[in-house]
Amino acid sequence: FVSKMISVPASALPRESSERADAGEVFLAFGRIFSGQLFPGQKMYVLSEAYDPSAPEAGGWQEVELSDVYLMMGRGLEALDSVSAGNVLAIGGLD
């Protein structure tokens, strides 16, 4: 479940991150995993406010590929190969 998108200076990302190092700022999604795992390269669906579950064929969703997943430790970000259920994380690549 993604609760918020946040803008972060690219310099705040770990060096091994695949997010654009030359960008001034990047957007990260902030959320929590309730079940399963997330990992870089995984595909997922992003639902917009226009999504209507009674008519999914009408659109309002987009398939994206995650570029990075970060464990959020206070103000710090730690790039990981995967993040499992119960953790608060930041997701790169949804912008």
Protein backbone atom coordinates (compact mmCIF):
# COMPACT_ATOMS: atom_id res chain seq x y z
CA PHE A 1 0.00 0.00 0.00
CA VAL A 2 1.54 3.32 -1.09
CA SER A 3 0.39 6.19 1.06
CA LYS A 4 2.38 9.11 -0.29
CA MET A 5 4.85 10.24 -2.97
CA ILE A 6 7.78 12.26 -1.66
CA SER A 7 10.42 14.33 -3.44
CA VAL A 8 13.98 13.56 -2.34
CA PRO A 9 17.25 15.19 -3.43
CA ALA A 10 19.13 12.73 -5.64
CA SER A 11 22.16 13.25 -3.40
CA ALA A 12 20.23 11.64 -0.49
CA LEU A 13 19.99 8.30 -2.32
CA PRO A 14 22.53 5.55 -1.66
CA ARG A 15 25.33 5.49 -4.26
CA GLU A 16 24.39 2.00 -5.53
CA SER A 17 20.92 3.25 -6.44
CA SER A 18 19.82 2.97 -10.08
CA GLU A 19 17.77 6.18 -9.81
CA ARG A 20 19.16 9.02 -11.92
CA ALA A 21 22.19 10.41 -10.08
CA ASP A 22 22.28 13.45 -12.39
CA ALA A 23 18.71 14.46 -11.49
CA GLY A 24 18.22 17.24 -8.95
CA GLU A 25 15.30 15.50 -7.27
CA VAL A 26 13.59 12.13 -7.58
CA PHE A 27 10.16 10.96 -6.48
CA LEU A 28 9.86 8.01 -4.15
CA ALA A 29 6.68 6.26 -3.10
CA PHE A 30 6.34 5.78 0.66
CA GLY A 31 4.39 2.79 1.90
CA ARG A 32 4.18 -0.48 3.76
CA ILE A 33 4.12 -4.07 2.55
CA PHE A 34 1.28 -6.07 4.05
CA SER A 35 1.96 -9.36 2.25
CA GLY A 36 4.75 -10.85 0.14
CA GLN A 37 7.90 -9.10 -1.10
CA LEU A 38 8.94 -6.30 -3.44
CA PHE A 39 12.19 -6.27 -5.38
CA PRO A 40 13.80 -4.14 -8.12
CA GLY A 41 12.62 -5.13 -11.58
CA GLN A 42 9.26 -6.40 -10.31
CA LYS A 43 6.19 -5.24 -12.22
CA MET A 44 3.19 -3.88 -10.38
CA TYR A 45 0.01 -1.95 -11.08
CA VAL A 46 -0.55 1.65 -10.00
CA LEU A 47 -4.18 2.68 -9.63
CA SER A 48 -5.11 6.33 -10.19
CA GLU A 49 -8.05 8.17 -8.69
CA ALA A 50 -9.92 7.48 -11.96
CA TYR A 51 -9.82 3.69 -11.38
CA ASP A 52 -13.26 2.13 -10.88
CA PRO A 53 -13.17 -1.44 -9.54
CA SER A 54 -16.63 -2.10 -10.98
CA ALA A 55 -15.28 -1.33 -14.50
CA PRO A 56 -11.54 -2.23 -14.60
CA GLU A 57 -11.58 -2.34 -18.42
CA ALA A 58 -12.22 1.42 -18.42
CA GLY A 59 -8.61 2.04 -17.37
CA GLY A 60 -7.34 4.18 -14.56
CA TRP A 61 -4.37 1.88 -13.96
CA GLN A 62 -0.83 1.62 -15.27
CA GLU A 63 1.74 -1.17 -15.16
CA VAL A 64 5.17 -0.04 -13.94
CA GLU A 65 8.52 -1.67 -13.21
CA LEU A 66 10.18 -0.85 -9.90
CA SER A 67 13.68 0.53 -10.30
CA ASP A 68 14.72 0.43 -6.63
CA VAL A 69 13.41 -0.51 -3.20
CA TYR A 70 14.71 1.16 -0.06
CA LEU A 71 14.27 0.31 3.58
CA MET A 72 13.47 3.53 5.41
CA MET A 73 15.52 3.93 8.59
CA GLY A 74 14.58 7.28 10.11
CA ARG A 75 15.70 9.89 7.56
CA GLY A 76 18.05 7.43 5.86
CA LEU A 77 17.45 5.10 2.92
CA GLU A 78 19.13 1.74 2.52
CA ALA A 79 18.96 0.17 -0.97
CA LEU A 80 18.01 -3.51 -0.79
CA ASP A 81 17.60 -6.47 -3.14
CA SER A 82 14.15 -7.16 -1.66
CA VAL A 83 11.86 -5.92 1.10
CA SER A 84 9.41 -8.25 2.81
CA ALA A 85 6.05 -7.88 4.55
CA GLY A 86 5.82 -5.67 7.61
CA ASN A 87 8.44 -3.15 6.53
CA VAL A 88 8.04 0.52 5.72
CA LEU A 89 9.78 1.24 2.43
CA ALA A 90 10.42 3.72 -0.32
CA ILE A 91 9.95 2.64 -3.95
CA GLY A 92 11.81 4.18 -6.88
CA GLY A 93 10.57 4.14 -10.45
CA LEU A 94 6.90 5.05 -10.07
CA ASP A 95 7.21 8.59 -11.41
